[in-house]
C-alpha atoms as a PDB file:
ATOM      1  CA  GLY A   1     -34.322 -24.874  75.153  1.00  0.00           C
ATOM      2  CA  PHE A   2     -32.317 -27.947  76.049  1.00  0.00           C
ATOM      3  CA  GLY A   3     -29.218 -26.185  77.114  1.00  0.00           C
ATOM      4  CA  GLY A   4     -27.487 -25.739  73.821  1.00  0.00           C
ATOM      5  CA  PHE A   5     -26.286 -22.488  72.327  1.00  0.00           C
ATOM      6  CA  LEU A   6     -29.093 -21.340  69.855  1.00  0.00           C
ATOM      7  CA  LEU A   7     -28.099 -19.373  66.779  1.00  0.00           C
ATOM      8  CA  HIS A   8     -31.379 -18.806  65.058  1.00  0.00           C
ATOM      9  CA  PRO A   9     -32.647 -16.793  61.984  1.00  0.00           C
ATOM     10  CA  TRP A  10     -34.145 -13.537  63.196  1.00  0.00           C
ATOM     11  CA  CYS A  11     -37.880 -13.570  63.505  1.00  0.00           C
ATOM     12  CA  ALA A  12     -40.135 -11.045  65.402  1.00  0.00           C
ATOM     13  CA  GLY A  13     -42.110 -13.848  67.239  1.00  0.00           C
ATOM     14  CA  LEU A  14     -39.041 -15.264  68.980  1.00  0.00           C
ATOM     15  CA  GLN A  15     -38.336 -11.832  70.486  1.00  0.00           C
ATOM     16  CA  ASP A  16     -41.497 -12.256  72.564  1.00  0.00           C
ATOM     17  CA  TYR A  17     -40.039 -15.298  74.336  1.00  0.00           C
ATOM     18  CA  TYR A  18     -36.246 -14.920  74.468  1.00  0.00           C
ATOM     19  CA  VAL A  19     -33.846 -11.998  74.718  1.00  0.00           C
ATOM     20  CA  ASP A  20     -31.580 -11.789  71.662  1.00  0.00           C
ATOM     21  CA  GLY A  21     -27.933 -11.669  72.675  1.00  0.00           C
ATOM     22  CA  ALA A  22     -28.693 -12.942  76.209  1.00  0.00           C
ATOM     23  CA  GLU A  23     -30.825 -16.166  75.923  1.00  0.00           C
ATOM     24  CA  VAL A  24     -30.557 -16.784  72.114  1.00  0.00           C
ATOM     25  CA  VAL A  25     -28.573 -15.233  69.316  1.00  0.00           C
ATOM     26  CA  CYS A  26     -30.339 -14.249  66.065  1.00  0.00           C
ATOM     27  CA  TYR A  27     -28.853 -13.412  62.749  1.00  0.00           C
ATOM     28  CA  ARG A  28     -30.364 -11.449  59.946  1.00  0.00           C
ATOM     29  CA  ASP A  29     -28.463 -12.581  56.865  1.00  0.00           C
ATOM     30  CA  ARG A  30     -25.693 -14.864  55.772  1.00  0.00           C
ATOM     31  CA  ALA A  31     -22.967 -12.276  56.523  1.00  0.00           C
ATOM     32  CA  ASP A  32     -24.302 -11.730  59.999  1.00  0.00           C
ATOM     33  CA  LEU A  33     -24.536 -15.480  60.567  1.00  0.00           C
ATOM     34  CA  HIS A  34     -20.873 -16.038  59.631  1.00  0.00           C
ATOM     35  CA  ALA A  35     -19.780 -13.090  61.759  1.00  0.00           C
ATOM     36  CA  LYS A  36     -21.659 -14.457  64.761  1.00  0.00           C
ATOM     37  CA  ILE A  37     -20.390 -17.973  64.278  1.00  0.00           C
ATOM     38  CA  ASP A  38     -16.861 -16.611  64.188  1.00  0.00           C
ATOM     39  CA  TYR A  39     -17.460 -14.390  67.365  1.00  0.00           C
ATOM     40  CA  TYR A  40     -19.078 -17.047  69.454  1.00  0.00           C
ATOM     41  CA  LEU A  41     -16.499 -19.674  68.495  1.00  0.00           C
ATOM     42  CA  ALA A  42     -13.871 -17.290  69.716  1.00  0.00           C
ATOM     43  CA  HIS A  43     -15.813 -16.574  72.989  1.00  0.00           C
ATOM     44  CA  PRO A  44     -16.854 -19.856  74.417  1.00  0.00           C
ATOM     45  CA  GLU A  45     -17.624 -18.357  77.823  1.00  0.00           C
ATOM     46  CA  LYS A  46     -20.208 -16.029  76.271  1.00  0.00           C
ATOM     47  CA  ARG A  47     -21.706 -18.811  74.282  1.00  0.00           C
ATOM     48  CA  ALA A  48     -21.951 -20.991  77.413  1.00  0.00           C
ATOM     49  CA  ALA A  49     -23.594 -18.138  79.325  1.00  0.00           C
ATOM     50  CA  ILE A  50     -26.186 -17.580  76.634  1.00  0.00           C
ATOM     51  CA  ALA A  51     -26.970 -21.390  76.450  1.00  0.00           C
ATOM     52  CA  ARG A  52     -27.367 -21.506  80.260  1.00  0.00           C
ATOM     53  CA  ASP A  53     -29.557 -18.389  80.340  1.00  0.00           C
ATOM     54  CA  GLY A  54     -31.721 -19.709  77.491  1.00  0.00           C
ATOM     55  CA  LEU A  55     -32.232 -22.980  79.329  1.00  0.00           C
ATOM     56  CA  ASP A  56     -33.098 -21.152  82.535  1.00  0.00           C
ATOM     57  CA  ARG A  57     -35.753 -19.136  80.626  1.00  0.00           C
ATOM     58  CA  THR A  58     -37.101 -22.264  79.019  1.00  0.00           C
ATOM     59  CA  LEU A  59     -37.426 -23.973  82.355  1.00  0.00           C
ATOM     60  CA  ARG A  60     -39.003 -20.860  84.001  1.00  0.00           C
ATOM     61  CA  CYS A  61     -41.414 -19.963  81.216  1.00  0.00           C
ATOM     62  CA  HIS A  62     -41.716 -22.268  78.355  1.00  0.00           C
ATOM     63  CA  LEU A  63     -42.649 -25.835  79.470  1.00  0.00           C
ATOM     64  CA  TYR A  64     -45.710 -27.699  78.387  1.00  0.00           C
ATOM     65  CA  ARG A  65     -46.938 -26.990  81.963  1.00  0.00           C
ATOM     66  CA  HIS A  66     -46.815 -23.315  81.286  1.00  0.00           C
ATOM     67  CA  ARG A  67     -48.697 -23.692  78.054  1.00  0.00           C
ATOM     68  CA  VAL A  68     -51.412 -25.843  79.643  1.00  0.00           C
ATOM     69  CA  GLU A  69     -51.868 -23.324  82.477  1.00  0.00           C
ATOM     70  CA  LEU A  70     -52.246 -20.587  79.970  1.00  0.00           C
ATOM     71  CA  MET A  71     -54.799 -22.454  77.897  1.00  0.00           C
ATOM     72  CA  LEU A  72     -56.831 -23.602  80.995  1.00  0.00           C
ATOM     73  CA  GLY A  73     -56.838 -19.841  82.150  1.00  0.00           C
ATOM     74  CA  ILE A  74     -58.244 -18.794  78.796  1.00  0.00           C
ATOM     75  CA  VAL A  75     -60.853 -21.472  78.771  1.00  0.00           C
ATOM     76  CA  LYS A  76     -61.890 -20.739  82.387  1.00  0.00           C
ATOM     77  CA  SER A  77     -62.209 -16.983  81.686  1.00  0.00           C
ATOM     78  CA  ARG A  78     -64.384 -17.545  78.562  1.00  0.00           C
ATOM     79  CA  LEU A  79     -66.569 -19.932  80.511  1.00  0.00           C
ATOM     80  CA  GLY A  80     -66.769 -17.634  83.475  1.00  0.00           C
ATOM     81  CA  VAL A  81     -65.264 -20.106  85.757  1.00  0.00           C
ATOM     82  CA  GLY A  82     -62.725 -19.452  88.607  1.00  0.00           C
END
């Protein structure tokens, strides 16, 4: 989310927010982790593109401003306001 390449353990929830292989890279086990480390170290241009696209997604969709807007929308709908 800060412009770095994110290699993260696979979790279902993350897939709702970022595209695996395009905005973040997830691994499933130690062997997968090591293979992906080797691959992305050998492909710095792909690593940089994923980091850039992950940052872009964060700035477009996942700032505190976005969460506050979502929470206010929920509160307003439950109160019948707006």
